[in-house]
Amino acid sequence: MAVGLKPAAGLLPVKGIRLASTSAGIYARTREDLALVEFDESAAVSAVFTRNDFSAAPVIVARKHLMQYKGHRFCLINAGNANAGTGSKGVEDAMATCENLASLAGCKTEAVLPFSTGVIGQDLPVDKITSAFPYLMGNLTETNWNKCSQAIITTDTMTKGISKQIDLDGITVTVTGIAKGSGMIRPDMATMLAFIGTDASVDNKVLDKILNDVVTTSFNRICVDGDMSTNDACVLIATGKSGHKTISAPDSDNYHKLQDVVNEVCTHLATAIVRDGEGATKFICIQVEQGGNRQECLDIAYAIATSPLVKTAFFASDPNWGRILAAIGRAGVTDLNINNISMYINDCLIVEKGYRATEYTEESGKQAMKSDELLLRVVLDRGKHQETMWTCDLSHEYVRINAEYRS
């Protein structure tokens, strides 16, 4: 069960974005597994993708379409089949779905951006997907964000979505986002997909900057199991339908207002993925403080977040803090002075100046670890930099889910 998370609900429509979803029969059981997002060709579209060298076919195609063409009209998303590890046939299959949809909609093939999530190494069921297109095209509506959030999930236990509104030039601007992800999650895109829409008017280069900056501190700061997916993608669409003056440079009040709210939406979606981590019973915020530079803070946070020994100790509510120290020590930070390091779990001081704190007791550590939401603070005392990551524990249920994933 997800830690402190409720299913997406009450998602607000975004002017200029219409959505539809259906069951294409990709899964053995009947469930919604195909979604379509439509927007005007005048919309600004930005996207970031996984850095995995085995990037899936839809990632290859979507990247290519984004570079080749600027009149995008659709995001096509299927769950249940990743179309990864499928070679040239996978690319041909992804292109076939784009071509079929483009023919039906009367647009260029490059106007379609494909996305897939699910089992790796299986051929995409192109006929099942394309046969669902007439239904999807006939049922597009601005109010289908909630339904589409259900259609894109895989091992998620619940949907993930959020809406926020801000005032720009006296006009109400909406930002709505949905995401999926529960396992195969680590930084450099976390298997996750996220789609954020806004009716703000933004120059495409400015939108690219907003997305890249925001992803750095949200989706690239989460870890469930340390495995980077082949299919990750995050898309930000700005339709320009709200009516305010176009944001054309990253130095205005409106730019900062929009960036802040997009960051809020992405951070909510990113942490929701961790809260719904496969088998998770604890949500853990790792905060590395007083670092000499940003990278060493991230290196230490990542070493802790990916340690199976640390994560299983959290699952057991066992204050085995030596495992955390070991992770810090192997993070590769140059000239790390362990005698300056302090560490807290919630309000419990465990390590002070590199050693067990004099007032620390095993009982106080156990009490701190019982909480299902934990703040782990590592204070390096070597500078002014601070970075945050979010992770979860590693449980018996995680092993079961992934052992049975293809059965």
Protein backbone atom coordinates (compact mmCIF):
# COMPACT_ATOMS: atom_id res chain seq x y z
CA MET A 1 0.00 0.00 0.00
CA ALA A 2 1.30 3.43 -0.91
CA VAL A 3 2.73 5.48 1.96
CA GLY A 4 0.64 8.57 2.68
CA LEU A 5 -0.71 8.78 -0.87
CA LYS A 6 -4.26 9.06 -2.21
CA PRO A 7 -5.33 8.29 -5.80
CA ALA A 8 -5.45 11.14 -8.29
CA ALA A 9 -8.82 12.88 -8.15
CA GLY A 10 -10.45 16.13 -9.21
CA LEU A 11 -7.90 16.87 -11.93
CA LEU A 12 -8.69 20.12 -13.70
CA PRO A 13 -9.09 20.40 -17.48
CA VAL A 14 -6.46 22.35 -19.41
CA LYS A 15 -7.68 24.52 -22.28
CA GLY A 16 -6.42 23.11 -25.56
CA ILE A 17 -5.73 19.55 -24.35
CA ARG A 18 -8.16 16.69 -24.94
CA LEU A 19 -7.68 13.12 -23.78
CA ALA A 20 -9.21 9.67 -24.20
CA SER A 21 -8.44 6.15 -22.97
CA THR A 22 -9.63 2.61 -23.59
CA SER A 23 -8.75 -1.07 -23.29
CA ALA A 24 -6.86 -2.29 -26.36
CA GLY A 25 -6.45 -5.79 -24.93
CA ILE A 26 -2.72 -5.47 -24.31
CA TYR A 27 -3.17 -7.01 -20.86
CA ALA A 28 -4.58 -10.52 -20.41
CA ARG A 29 -7.24 -9.08 -18.10
CA THR A 30 -9.55 -6.32 -19.27
CA ARG A 31 -8.34 -2.92 -18.11
CA GLU A 32 -7.69 0.45 -19.70
CA ASP A 33 -4.23 0.31 -21.25
CA LEU A 34 -4.17 2.85 -24.06
CA ALA A 35 -4.37 6.65 -23.83
CA LEU A 36 -4.34 9.47 -26.36
CA VAL A 37 -3.54 13.12 -25.62
CA GLU A 38 -4.41 15.68 -28.32
CA PHE A 39 -3.38 19.34 -28.55
CA ASP A 40 -3.19 22.04 -31.25
CA GLU A 41 -0.13 22.16 -33.49
CA SER A 42 0.52 25.67 -32.15
CA ALA A 43 1.27 24.26 -28.68
CA ALA A 44 4.82 24.33 -27.32
CA VAL A 45 6.04 20.83 -26.43
CA SER A 46 9.11 19.87 -24.42
CA ALA A 47 10.25 16.42 -23.33
CA VAL A 48 13.10 14.67 -21.55
CA PHE A 49 13.86 10.96 -21.79
CA THR A 50 15.78 8.14 -20.14
CA ARG A 51 19.55 8.09 -20.58
CA ASN A 52 19.60 4.29 -20.67
CA ASP A 53 21.66 3.10 -23.66
CA PHE A 54 18.98 0.46 -24.31
CA SER A 55 16.34 3.13 -24.85
CA ALA A 56 13.05 1.64 -26.01
CA ALA A 57 11.74 2.00 -29.56
CA PRO A 58 9.10 4.62 -28.65
CA VAL A 59 11.80 6.73 -26.98
CA ILE A 60 13.90 6.57 -30.15
CA VAL A 61 10.91 7.55 -32.30
CA ALA A 62 9.62 10.30 -29.99
CA ARG A 63 13.09 11.88 -29.74
CA LYS A 64 13.38 11.85 -33.52
CA HIS A 65 9.94 13.36 -34.03
CA LEU A 66 10.65 16.12 -31.52
CA MET A 67 13.85 17.09 -33.36
CA GLN A 68 12.38 16.80 -36.86
CA TYR A 69 9.06 18.58 -36.46
CA LYS A 70 7.45 21.41 -34.47
CA GLY A 71 3.74 20.91 -35.14
CA HIS A 72 3.08 18.06 -32.70
CA ARG A 73 -0.52 17.00 -32.19
CA PHE A 74 -0.63 13.79 -30.14
CA CYS A 75 0.94 11.79 -27.34
CA LEU A 76 0.08 8.10 -27.76
CA ILE A 77 0.66 6.04 -24.60
CA ASN A 78 0.28 2.30 -24.08
CA ALA A 79 0.75 0.24 -20.91
CA GLY A 80 1.50 -3.48 -20.67
CA ASN A 81 4.20 -3.60 -23.35
CA ALA A 82 7.43 -1.57 -23.24
CA ASN A 83 8.44 -2.21 -26.88
CA ALA A 84 12.03 -2.29 -25.57
CA GLY A 85 14.72 -4.76 -26.53
CA THR A 86 12.81 -5.32 -29.78
CA GLY A 87 15.41 -4.05 -32.25
CA SER A 88 14.54 -2.53 -35.61
CA LYS A 89 11.14 -4.25 -35.59
CA GLY A 90 10.25 -2.34 -32.44
CA VAL A 91 11.04 0.95 -34.15
CA GLU A 92 9.00 -0.11 -37.18
CA ASP A 93 6.08 -1.05 -34.92
CA ALA A 94 6.20 2.27 -33.07
CA MET A 95 6.31 4.08 -36.41
CA ALA A 96 3.37 2.01 -37.67
CA THR A 97 1.18 3.19 -34.80
CA CYS A 98 2.22 6.81 -35.47
CA GLU A 99 1.52 6.47 -39.20
CA ASN A 100 -1.89 4.88 -38.62
CA LEU A 101 -2.97 7.58 -36.15
CA ALA A 102 -1.63 10.36 -38.38
CA SER A 103 -3.58 9.00 -41.34
CA LEU A 104 -6.77 8.91 -39.29
CA ALA A 105 -6.24 12.40 -37.86
CA GLY A 106 -5.02 14.00 -41.09
CA CYS A 107 -1.64 15.12 -39.75
CA LYS A 108 2.01 14.28 -40.38
CA THR A 109 3.46 11.11 -38.86
CA GLU A 110 6.04 13.25 -37.03
CA ALA A 111 3.18 15.00 -35.21
CA VAL A 112 2.64 11.83 -33.13
CA LEU A 113 4.87 11.13 -30.10
CA PRO A 114 4.67 7.47 -28.93
CA PHE A 115 5.25 6.26 -25.35
CA SER A 116 5.15 2.73 -23.93
CA THR A 117 5.53 1.06 -20.53
CA GLY A 118 5.35 -2.57 -19.44
CA VAL A 119 7.18 -5.81 -20.14
CA ILE A 120 10.50 -5.59 -22.01
CA GLY A 121 11.35 -7.86 -24.96
CA GLN A 122 7.89 -8.48 -26.39
CA ASP A 123 6.64 -7.29 -29.78
CA LEU A 124 4.21 -4.40 -29.70
CA PRO A 125 0.65 -5.55 -30.55
CA VAL A 126 0.25 -3.00 -33.33
CA ASP A 127 -3.10 -4.29 -34.62
CA LYS A 128 -4.70 -4.16 -31.17
CA ILE A 129 -3.48 -0.61 -30.66
CA THR A 130 -4.44 0.76 -34.07
CA SER A 131 -7.90 -0.85 -33.97
CA ALA A 132 -8.66 1.26 -30.90
CA PHE A 133 -7.85 4.57 -32.61
CA PRO A 134 -11.36 5.32 -33.98
CA TYR A 135 -12.79 4.99 -30.46
CA LEU A 136 -10.08 7.18 -28.95
CA MET A 137 -10.50 9.86 -31.62
CA GLY A 138 -14.24 9.88 -31.09
CA ASN A 139 -14.03 10.24 -27.31
CA LEU A 140 -11.47 12.98 -26.80
CA THR A 141 -12.48 15.45 -24.10
CA GLU A 142 -10.76 17.94 -21.78
CA THR A 143 -12.11 16.15 -18.69
CA ASN A 144 -10.41 12.76 -19.16
CA TRP A 145 -7.23 13.37 -17.13
CA ASN A 146 -8.37 11.01 -14.34
CA LYS A 147 -9.21 8.18 -16.77
CA CYS A 148 -5.89 8.52 -18.56
CA SER A 149 -4.00 8.43 -15.26
CA GLN A 150 -5.52 4.96 -14.78
CA ALA A 151 -4.73 3.76 -18.30
CA ILE A 152 -0.97 4.40 -18.08
CA ILE A 153 -0.16 2.57 -14.82
CA THR A 154 1.53 -0.86 -14.57
CA THR A 155 2.55 -2.13 -11.10
CA ASP A 156 1.33 1.11 -9.48
CA THR A 157 -1.19 0.52 -6.71
CA MET A 158 -2.92 3.82 -7.46
CA THR A 159 -3.07 6.67 -9.93
CA LYS A 160 -0.90 9.77 -9.59
CA GLY A 161 -2.02 13.25 -10.55
CA ILE A 162 -2.33 16.84 -9.39
CA SER A 163 -3.68 20.19 -10.59
CA LYS A 164 -2.57 23.68 -9.62
CA GLN A 165 -3.65 27.17 -10.71
CA ILE A 166 -1.83 30.50 -10.68
CA ASP A 167 -2.56 34.06 -11.74
CA LEU A 168 -0.61 35.47 -14.68
CA ASP A 169 -1.49 39.01 -15.78
CA GLY A 170 -4.85 38.70 -14.02
CA ILE A 171 -5.65 35.47 -15.88
CA THR A 172 -6.06 32.08 -14.20
CA VAL A 173 -3.60 29.54 -15.61
CA THR A 174 -3.97 25.81 -14.97
CA VAL A 175 -1.23 23.19 -14.68
CA THR A 176 -2.34 19.53 -14.53
CA GLY A 177 -0.04 16.53 -14.47
CA ILE A 178 -0.31 12.75 -14.35
CA ALA A 179 2.41 10.15 -13.93
CA LYS A 180 3.01 6.44 -13.57
CA GLY A 181 5.84 4.63 -11.87
CA SER A 182 6.43 2.24 -8.99
CA GLY A 183 9.50 0.13 -9.74
CA MET A 184 12.65 0.37 -11.89
CA ILE A 185 13.12 3.87 -10.51
CA ARG A 186 16.40 5.78 -10.19
CA PRO A 187 17.77 9.21 -11.16
CA ASP A 188 18.38 10.33 -14.76
CA MET A 189 14.72 9.88 -15.32
CA ALA A 190 13.50 7.66 -12.86
CA THR A 191 9.88 2.87 -15.27
CA MET A 192 8.14 6.23 -15.17
CA LEU A 193 6.11 8.35 -17.53
CA ALA A 194 4.80 11.83 -16.77
CA PHE A 195 2.60 14.18 -18.79
CA ILE A 196 2.05 17.77 -17.67
CA GLY A 197 -0.19 20.21 -19.46
CA THR A 198 -0.76 23.92 -19.02
CA ASP A 199 -2.75 26.57 -20.89
CA ALA A 200 0.07 29.06 -20.30
CA SER A 201 1.62 30.74 -23.33
CA VAL A 202 5.35 29.98 -23.39
CA ASP A 203 8.08 30.18 -26.02
CA ASN A 204 9.36 26.66 -26.77
CA LYS A 205 12.97 27.38 -25.75
CA VAL A 206 11.76 28.83 -22.46
CA LEU A 207 9.55 25.77 -21.95
CA ASP A 208 12.60 23.55 -22.52
CA LYS A 209 14.48 25.42 -19.80
CA ILE A 210 11.58 25.15 -17.37
CA LEU A 211 11.27 21.41 -17.87
CA ASN A 212 14.99 20.66 -17.72
CA ASP A 213 15.47 22.73 -14.57
CA VAL A 214 12.43 21.25 -12.85
CA VAL A 215 13.20 17.63 -13.74
CA THR A 216 16.67 18.02 -12.22
CA THR A 217 15.23 18.59 -8.76
CA SER A 218 12.14 16.34 -8.99
CA PHE A 219 12.11 13.25 -11.21
CA ASN A 220 15.91 13.01 -11.10
CA ARG A 221 15.89 12.99 -7.31
CA ILE A 222 13.91 9.81 -6.72
CA CYS A 223 14.94 6.21 -6.27
CA VAL A 224 12.99 3.04 -5.52
CA ASP A 225 15.43 0.29 -6.49
CA GLY A 226 18.34 1.90 -8.34
CA ASP A 227 17.36 0.53 -11.77
CA MET A 228 17.05 3.02 -14.64
CA SER A 229 14.21 2.21 -17.03
CA THR A 230 14.48 1.90 -20.81
CA ASN A 231 11.27 3.88 -21.33
CA ASP A 232 11.24 6.92 -19.05
CA ALA A 233 9.85 10.15 -20.40
CA CYS A 234 8.46 13.41 -19.08
CA VAL A 235 6.47 15.69 -21.38
CA LEU A 236 5.41 19.30 -20.78
CA ILE A 237 2.79 20.81 -23.10
CA ALA A 238 1.88 24.52 -23.11
CA THR A 239 -1.17 25.26 -25.26
CA GLY A 240 -1.16 29.07 -24.98
CA LYS A 241 -4.95 29.10 -24.63
CA SER A 242 -5.18 31.09 -21.39
CA GLY A 243 -4.71 34.45 -23.12
CA HIS A 244 -1.86 36.09 -21.21
CA LYS A 245 1.19 37.58 -22.88
CA THR A 246 3.65 34.93 -24.08
CA ILE A 247 6.55 34.19 -21.71
CA SER A 248 9.51 34.61 -24.05
CA ALA A 249 12.48 34.99 -21.70
CA PRO A 250 13.52 33.36 -18.39
CA ASP A 251 13.80 36.63 -16.47
CA SER A 252 10.22 37.76 -15.78
CA ASP A 253 7.88 37.40 -12.82
CA ASN A 254 5.55 35.26 -14.94
CA TYR A 255 8.42 32.94 -15.87
CA HIS A 256 9.29 32.37 -12.22
CA LYS A 257 5.65 31.94 -11.24
CA LEU A 258 5.12 29.31 -13.92
CA GLN A 259 8.39 27.52 -13.17
CA ASP A 260 7.50 27.39 -9.47
CA VAL A 261 4.10 25.82 -10.09
CA VAL A 262 5.46 23.32 -12.64
CA ASN A 263 8.12 22.41 -10.07
CA GLU A 264 5.40 21.92 -7.45
CA VAL A 265 3.45 19.63 -9.79
CA CYS A 266 6.53 17.61 -10.79
CA THR A 267 7.75 17.25 -7.22
CA HIS A 268 4.34 15.97 -6.16
CA LEU A 269 4.30 13.43 -9.00
CA ALA A 270 7.91 12.37 -8.36
CA THR A 271 7.42 11.81 -4.64
CA ALA A 272 4.11 10.04 -5.34
CA ILE A 273 6.08 7.50 -7.39
CA VAL A 274 8.34 6.84 -4.39
CA ARG A 275 5.39 6.70 -1.97
CA ASP A 276 3.91 4.05 -4.26
CA GLY A 277 7.21 2.22 -4.69
CA GLU A 278 6.78 -1.51 -5.20
CA GLY A 279 6.17 -3.04 -1.77
CA ALA A 280 7.09 0.20 0.02
CA THR A 281 6.13 0.64 3.68
CA LYS A 282 8.24 3.74 4.37
CA PHE A 283 8.81 7.04 2.57
CA ILE A 284 12.30 8.39 3.22
CA CYS A 285 13.61 11.88 2.53
CA ILE A 286 17.42 11.98 2.41
CA GLN A 287 18.85 15.43 3.01
CA VAL A 288 22.61 15.94 2.69
CA GLU A 289 23.61 19.29 4.18
CA GLN A 290 26.70 21.51 4.37
CA GLY A 291 28.41 19.82 1.44
CA GLY A 292 31.39 21.25 -0.39
CA ASN A 293 29.53 21.11 -3.72
CA ARG A 294 26.30 19.90 -5.22
CA GLN A 295 27.69 16.70 -6.71
CA GLU A 296 29.16 15.33 -3.49
CA CYS A 297 25.82 15.86 -1.76
CA LEU A 298 24.09 13.93 -4.54
CA ASP A 299 26.72 11.18 -4.55
CA ILE A 300 26.19 10.57 -0.84
CA ALA A 301 22.39 10.73 -1.08
CA TYR A 302 22.42 8.30 -4.00
CA ALA A 303 24.78 5.86 -2.23
CA ILE A 304 22.36 5.73 0.70
CA ALA A 305 19.22 5.56 -1.44
CA THR A 306 20.45 2.59 -3.48
CA SER A 307 21.94 0.50 -0.66
CA PRO A 308 19.93 -2.73 -0.21
CA LEU A 309 21.35 -3.03 3.32
CA VAL A 310 20.15 0.45 4.27
CA LYS A 311 16.76 -0.03 2.63
CA THR A 312 16.10 -3.41 4.30
CA ALA A 313 17.08 -1.95 7.68
CA PHE A 314 14.48 0.78 7.17
CA PHE A 315 11.90 -1.89 6.30
CA ALA A 316 12.64 -3.69 9.58
CA SER A 317 12.63 -0.40 11.55
CA ASP A 318 16.11 -1.44 12.62
CA PRO A 319 18.39 1.53 13.50
CA ASN A 320 21.41 -0.20 11.99
CA TRP A 321 23.08 3.15 11.35
CA GLY A 322 26.43 1.56 10.57
CA ARG A 323 25.02 0.62 7.17
CA ILE A 324 24.33 4.29 6.46
CA LEU A 325 27.84 5.29 7.48
CA ALA A 326 29.24 2.59 5.20
CA ALA A 327 27.20 3.97 2.28
CA ILE A 328 28.47 7.50 2.98
CA GLY A 329 32.03 6.25 3.10
CA ARG A 330 31.86 4.51 -0.27
CA ALA A 331 30.20 7.42 -2.09
CA GLY A 332 33.58 8.51 -3.48
CA VAL A 333 33.68 12.02 -1.99
CA THR A 334 37.22 13.41 -2.19
CA ASP A 335 38.95 14.18 1.13
CA LEU A 336 35.86 13.38 3.18
CA ASN A 337 36.54 14.05 6.86
CA ILE A 338 34.40 11.54 8.69
CA ASN A 339 35.10 13.26 12.01
CA ASN A 340 32.95 16.20 10.90
CA ILE A 341 29.85 14.18 10.00
CA SER A 342 26.63 14.15 12.00
CA MET A 343 23.47 12.19 11.20
CA TYR A 344 19.85 12.41 12.30
CA ILE A 345 16.77 10.27 11.72
CA ASN A 346 13.84 12.60 12.24
CA ASP A 347 14.78 14.45 15.46
CA CYS A 348 17.02 11.69 16.78
CA LEU A 349 20.75 12.54 16.72
CA ILE A 350 22.52 9.24 15.99
CA VAL A 351 26.02 10.20 14.86
CA GLU A 352 27.97 13.25 15.99
CA LYS A 353 31.48 14.08 14.77
CA GLY A 354 31.76 10.72 13.03
CA TYR A 355 30.85 8.59 16.05
CA ARG A 356 27.76 7.44 17.91
CA ALA A 357 26.26 10.44 19.70
CA THR A 358 26.74 10.26 23.46
CA GLU A 359 23.01 10.69 24.15
CA TYR A 360 21.96 8.12 21.53
CA THR A 361 20.31 4.89 22.68
CA GLU A 362 19.13 1.89 20.71
CA GLU A 363 15.62 2.52 22.00
CA SER A 364 15.56 6.12 20.74
CA GLY A 365 16.74 4.86 17.34
CA LYS A 366 14.00 2.24 17.19
CA GLN A 367 11.37 4.83 18.09
CA ALA A 368 12.57 7.13 15.31
CA MET A 369 12.54 4.28 12.77
CA LYS A 370 8.95 3.25 13.55
CA SER A 371 7.52 6.17 11.62
CA ASP A 372 6.34 5.45 8.08
CA GLU A 373 7.72 8.84 6.95
CA LEU A 374 11.36 9.49 7.76
CA LEU A 375 13.80 12.37 7.34
CA LEU A 376 17.42 11.22 7.21
CA ARG A 377 19.78 14.19 7.58
CA VAL A 378 23.49 13.85 6.89
CA VAL A 379 25.45 16.96 7.91
CA LEU A 380 28.93 17.06 6.33
CA ASP A 381 30.18 20.34 7.83
CA ARG A 382 32.35 21.17 4.79
CA GLY A 383 30.43 23.81 2.86
CA LYS A 384 27.08 25.45 2.11
CA HIS A 385 25.53 23.08 -0.44
CA GLN A 386 22.42 21.00 0.26
CA GLU A 387 20.61 18.41 -1.86
CA THR A 388 17.54 16.25 -1.29
CA MET A 389 16.52 12.84 -2.60
CA TRP A 390 13.48 10.69 -1.92
CA THR A 391 13.50 6.92 -1.59
CA CYS A 392 11.63 4.07 0.10
CA ASP A 393 12.40 0.86 1.94
CA LEU A 394 12.94 -2.56 0.33
CA SER A 395 10.48 -5.20 1.51
CA HIS A 396 9.51 -8.85 1.01
CA GLU A 397 6.67 -7.57 -1.18
CA TYR A 398 9.11 -5.89 -3.58
CA VAL A 399 10.78 -9.25 -4.18
CA ARG A 400 7.43 -10.97 -4.72
CA ILE A 401 6.15 -8.34 -7.17
CA ASN A 402 9.27 -8.51 -9.32
CA ALA A 403 9.63 -12.29 -9.11
CA GLU A 404 6.07 -12.68 -10.39
CA TYR A 405 5.98 -9.69 -12.78
CA ARG A 406 5.77 -11.71 -16.01
CA SER A 407 3.68 -14.58 -14.64
